[in-house]
């Protein structure tokens, strides 16, 4: 069940990336340049073949700014944090 939820969250994040590209009338090349990765790397991430969690923190931050989510939401969506991790 957890892997299904994780995959769903990653899929939602990928959908946000595609929506941001479309809203800006960008190409994958444009998005890749904006976050500082190669076009091939961006294509792999946007297809789900490469994990978004593997991005360097400054590239994660740039992506979050572009797609309009917080770093916390990003970490939750890619599985670097769980809601349980935030309980005190």
N, C-alpha and C. Protein backbone atom coordinates (compact mmCIF):
# COMPACT_ATOMS: atom_id res chain seq x y z
N UNK A 1 0.82 -1.20 0.00
CA UNK A 1 0.00 0.00 0.00
C UNK A 1 0.86 1.26 0.00
N UNK A 2 1.96 1.26 0.80
CA UNK A 2 2.82 2.44 0.87
C UNK A 2 3.44 2.75 -0.48
N UNK A 3 3.88 1.73 -1.22
CA UNK A 3 4.51 1.99 -2.52
C UNK A 3 3.50 2.54 -3.51
N UNK A 4 2.24 2.13 -3.40
CA UNK A 4 1.21 2.67 -4.28
C UNK A 4 1.00 4.15 -3.99
N UNK A 5 0.95 4.52 -2.70
CA UNK A 5 0.80 5.93 -2.34
C UNK A 5 2.00 6.74 -2.80
N UNK A 6 3.20 6.18 -2.61
CA UNK A 6 4.41 6.88 -3.03
C UNK A 6 4.40 7.09 -4.54
N UNK A 7 4.07 6.05 -5.30
CA UNK A 7 4.02 6.18 -6.75
C UNK A 7 2.98 7.20 -7.18
N UNK A 8 1.86 7.24 -6.49
CA UNK A 8 0.81 8.20 -6.81
C UNK A 8 1.31 9.63 -6.57
N UNK A 9 2.02 9.85 -5.47
CA UNK A 9 2.54 11.17 -5.16
C UNK A 9 3.60 11.58 -6.18
N UNK A 10 4.46 10.65 -6.56
CA UNK A 10 5.47 10.96 -7.58
C UNK A 10 4.80 11.27 -8.91
N UNK A 11 3.76 10.54 -9.23
CA UNK A 11 3.01 10.79 -10.47
C UNK A 11 2.38 12.18 -10.43
N UNK A 12 1.84 12.57 -9.28
CA UNK A 12 1.25 13.90 -9.14
C UNK A 12 2.32 14.98 -9.33
N UNK A 13 3.50 14.73 -8.83
CA UNK A 13 4.59 15.69 -8.99
C UNK A 13 4.99 15.80 -10.45
N UNK A 14 5.08 14.70 -11.13
CA UNK A 14 5.39 14.71 -12.57
C UNK A 14 4.30 15.45 -13.34
N UNK A 15 3.05 15.25 -12.95
CA UNK A 15 1.95 15.98 -13.60
C UNK A 15 2.09 17.49 -13.37
N UNK A 16 2.54 17.89 -12.18
CA UNK A 16 2.77 19.31 -11.91
C UNK A 16 3.88 19.87 -12.80
N UNK A 17 4.90 19.07 -13.04
CA UNK A 17 5.99 19.49 -13.92
C UNK A 17 5.45 19.70 -15.33
N UNK A 18 4.68 18.75 -15.82
CA UNK A 18 4.12 18.87 -17.17
C UNK A 18 3.17 20.06 -17.27
N UNK A 19 2.38 20.28 -16.21
CA UNK A 19 1.46 21.43 -16.21
C UNK A 19 2.22 22.75 -16.23
N UNK A 20 3.33 22.82 -15.48
CA UNK A 20 4.14 24.06 -15.46
C UNK A 20 4.77 24.31 -16.83
N UNK A 21 5.23 23.25 -17.47
CA UNK A 21 5.81 23.38 -18.81
C UNK A 21 4.76 23.91 -19.78
N UNK A 22 3.57 23.32 -19.73
CA UNK A 22 2.50 23.73 -20.62
C UNK A 22 2.05 25.16 -20.34
N UNK A 23 1.90 25.51 -19.06
CA UNK A 23 1.43 26.84 -18.69
C UNK A 23 2.39 27.94 -19.15
N UNK A 24 3.67 27.63 -19.19
CA UNK A 24 4.67 28.61 -19.61
C UNK A 24 4.96 28.53 -21.11
N UNK A 25 4.31 27.57 -21.76
CA UNK A 25 4.56 27.35 -23.18
C UNK A 25 6.05 27.02 -23.41
N UNK A 26 6.59 26.21 -22.49
CA UNK A 26 7.98 25.78 -22.54
C UNK A 26 8.11 24.41 -23.19
N UNK A 27 9.33 24.04 -23.46
CA UNK A 27 9.68 22.68 -23.86
C UNK A 27 10.43 22.04 -22.69
N UNK A 28 10.71 20.76 -22.82
CA UNK A 28 11.53 20.10 -21.79
C UNK A 28 12.90 20.75 -21.72
N UNK A 29 13.42 21.20 -22.86
CA UNK A 29 14.71 21.90 -22.88
C UNK A 29 14.65 23.15 -22.01
N UNK A 30 13.55 23.91 -22.12
CA UNK A 30 13.38 25.12 -21.33
C UNK A 30 13.36 24.80 -19.83
N UNK A 31 12.59 23.79 -19.46
CA UNK A 31 12.50 23.40 -18.05
C UNK A 31 13.86 22.93 -17.55
N UNK A 32 14.54 22.13 -18.34
CA UNK A 32 15.86 21.63 -17.96
C UNK A 32 16.83 22.79 -17.71
N UNK A 33 16.83 23.75 -18.61
CA UNK A 33 17.71 24.91 -18.47
C UNK A 33 17.35 25.71 -17.22
N UNK A 34 16.08 25.83 -16.93
CA UNK A 34 15.63 26.63 -15.79
C UNK A 34 16.07 26.02 -14.46
N UNK A 35 16.13 24.69 -14.39
CA UNK A 35 16.55 24.08 -13.12
C UNK A 35 18.01 23.64 -13.14
N UNK A 36 18.65 23.71 -14.30
CA UNK A 36 20.08 23.44 -14.36
C UNK A 36 20.46 21.98 -14.56
N UNK A 37 19.65 21.26 -15.34
CA UNK A 37 19.98 19.87 -15.68
C UNK A 37 19.96 19.72 -17.20
N UNK A 38 20.48 18.61 -17.67
CA UNK A 38 20.46 18.37 -19.11
C UNK A 38 19.05 18.00 -19.57
N UNK A 39 18.82 18.16 -20.86
CA UNK A 39 17.53 17.79 -21.42
C UNK A 39 17.26 16.30 -21.20
N UNK A 40 18.25 15.47 -21.36
CA UNK A 40 18.10 14.02 -21.18
C UNK A 40 17.70 13.72 -19.74
N UNK A 41 18.36 14.37 -18.81
CA UNK A 41 18.04 14.18 -17.39
C UNK A 41 16.60 14.60 -17.12
N UNK A 42 16.19 15.75 -17.65
CA UNK A 42 14.83 16.24 -17.46
C UNK A 42 13.81 15.29 -18.08
N UNK A 43 14.12 14.79 -19.26
CA UNK A 43 13.20 13.85 -19.92
C UNK A 43 13.05 12.58 -19.10
N UNK A 44 14.15 12.10 -18.53
CA UNK A 44 14.10 10.89 -17.70
C UNK A 44 13.26 11.11 -16.45
N UNK A 45 13.41 12.27 -15.84
CA UNK A 45 12.62 12.57 -14.63
C UNK A 45 11.15 12.77 -14.97
N UNK A 46 10.87 13.46 -16.06
CA UNK A 46 9.47 13.76 -16.38
C UNK A 46 8.72 12.53 -16.88
N UNK A 47 9.46 11.49 -17.26
CA UNK A 47 8.81 10.24 -17.65
C UNK A 47 8.69 9.26 -16.49
N UNK A 48 9.37 9.59 -15.37
CA UNK A 48 9.35 8.69 -14.22
C UNK A 48 10.47 7.68 -14.23
N UNK A 49 11.32 7.70 -15.26
CA UNK A 49 12.41 6.74 -15.34
C UNK A 49 13.54 7.06 -14.36
N UNK A 50 13.68 8.33 -14.00
CA UNK A 50 14.71 8.74 -13.05
C UNK A 50 14.01 9.43 -11.88
N UNK A 51 14.47 9.13 -10.68
CA UNK A 51 13.85 9.67 -9.47
C UNK A 51 14.13 11.16 -9.30
N UNK A 52 13.11 11.91 -9.00
CA UNK A 52 13.24 13.34 -8.72
C UNK A 52 13.99 13.59 -7.42
N UNK A 53 13.96 12.62 -6.53
CA UNK A 53 14.64 12.77 -5.24
C UNK A 53 16.16 12.83 -5.41
N UNK A 54 16.66 12.42 -6.57
CA UNK A 54 18.09 12.43 -6.82
C UNK A 54 18.65 13.79 -7.21
N UNK A 55 17.78 14.77 -7.41
CA UNK A 55 18.24 16.11 -7.75
C UNK A 55 19.03 16.72 -6.60
N UNK A 56 20.01 17.53 -6.92
CA UNK A 56 20.74 18.28 -5.91
C UNK A 56 19.79 19.31 -5.29
N UNK A 57 20.01 19.65 -4.01
CA UNK A 57 19.08 20.55 -3.31
C UNK A 57 18.80 21.87 -4.04
N UNK A 58 19.80 22.49 -4.65
CA UNK A 58 19.54 23.76 -5.34
C UNK A 58 18.68 23.55 -6.57
N UNK A 59 18.78 22.39 -7.20
CA UNK A 59 17.94 22.08 -8.36
C UNK A 59 16.51 21.73 -7.90
N UNK A 60 16.41 21.06 -6.75
CA UNK A 60 15.09 20.80 -6.17
C UNK A 60 14.38 22.11 -5.87
N UNK A 61 15.12 23.04 -5.29
CA UNK A 61 14.55 24.34 -4.94
C UNK A 61 14.06 25.08 -6.19
N UNK A 62 14.89 25.06 -7.24
CA UNK A 62 14.50 25.73 -8.49
C UNK A 62 13.23 25.09 -9.06
N UNK A 63 13.18 23.77 -9.05
CA UNK A 63 12.00 23.07 -9.56
C UNK A 63 10.76 23.43 -8.75
N UNK A 64 10.90 23.45 -7.43
CA UNK A 64 9.76 23.79 -6.56
C UNK A 64 9.25 25.19 -6.85
N UNK A 65 10.15 26.13 -7.04
CA UNK A 65 9.73 27.51 -7.35
C UNK A 65 8.97 27.56 -8.66
N UNK A 66 9.44 26.82 -9.65
CA UNK A 66 8.80 26.84 -10.96
C UNK A 66 7.41 26.21 -10.93
N UNK A 67 7.29 25.08 -10.22
CA UNK A 67 5.99 24.40 -10.22
C UNK A 67 5.08 24.86 -9.09
N UNK A 68 5.60 25.72 -8.22
CA UNK A 68 4.76 26.33 -7.20
C UNK A 68 4.43 25.47 -6.00
N UNK A 69 5.41 24.69 -5.53
CA UNK A 69 5.21 23.92 -4.31
C UNK A 69 6.36 24.22 -3.35
N UNK A 70 6.15 23.90 -2.09
CA UNK A 70 7.19 24.10 -1.09
C UNK A 70 8.19 22.94 -1.14
N UNK A 71 9.35 23.19 -0.57
CA UNK A 71 10.34 22.11 -0.47
C UNK A 71 9.80 20.98 0.40
N UNK A 72 9.05 21.32 1.44
CA UNK A 72 8.45 20.30 2.29
C UNK A 72 7.52 19.41 1.49
N UNK A 73 6.65 20.02 0.68
CA UNK A 73 5.76 19.22 -0.17
C UNK A 73 6.56 18.35 -1.13
N UNK A 74 7.63 18.90 -1.70
CA UNK A 74 8.48 18.12 -2.61
C UNK A 74 9.03 16.90 -1.88
N UNK A 75 9.60 17.11 -0.69
CA UNK A 75 10.18 15.99 0.07
C UNK A 75 9.14 14.94 0.42
N UNK A 76 7.94 15.37 0.74
CA UNK A 76 6.86 14.42 1.02
C UNK A 76 6.46 13.65 -0.25
N UNK A 77 6.39 14.35 -1.36
CA UNK A 77 5.94 13.72 -2.61
C UNK A 77 6.95 12.72 -3.17
N UNK A 78 8.25 12.98 -2.97
CA UNK A 78 9.25 12.06 -3.52
C UNK A 78 9.68 11.01 -2.50
N UNK A 79 9.12 11.08 -1.30
CA UNK A 79 9.41 10.05 -0.31
C UNK A 79 10.65 10.29 0.53
N UNK A 80 11.21 11.50 0.49
CA UNK A 80 12.37 11.79 1.33
C UNK A 80 11.94 12.06 2.77
N UNK A 81 10.69 12.43 2.95
CA UNK A 81 10.07 12.61 4.27
C UNK A 81 8.71 11.93 4.26
N UNK A 82 8.29 11.52 5.45
CA UNK A 82 6.94 11.01 5.62
C UNK A 82 6.23 11.90 6.62
N UNK A 83 4.93 11.89 6.59
CA UNK A 83 4.17 12.69 7.55
C UNK A 83 4.53 12.28 8.99
N UNK A 84 4.80 11.01 9.20
CA UNK A 84 5.20 10.53 10.53
C UNK A 84 6.48 11.19 11.00
N UNK A 85 7.37 11.54 10.07
CA UNK A 85 8.63 12.18 10.43
C UNK A 85 8.40 13.57 11.02
N UNK A 86 7.25 14.15 10.75
CA UNK A 86 6.97 15.50 11.19
C UNK A 86 6.23 15.56 12.53
N UNK A 87 5.85 14.40 13.05
CA UNK A 87 5.13 14.34 14.32
C UNK A 87 6.11 14.53 15.47
N UNK A 88 5.69 15.37 16.41
CA UNK A 88 6.55 15.63 17.59
C UNK A 88 5.91 15.01 18.80
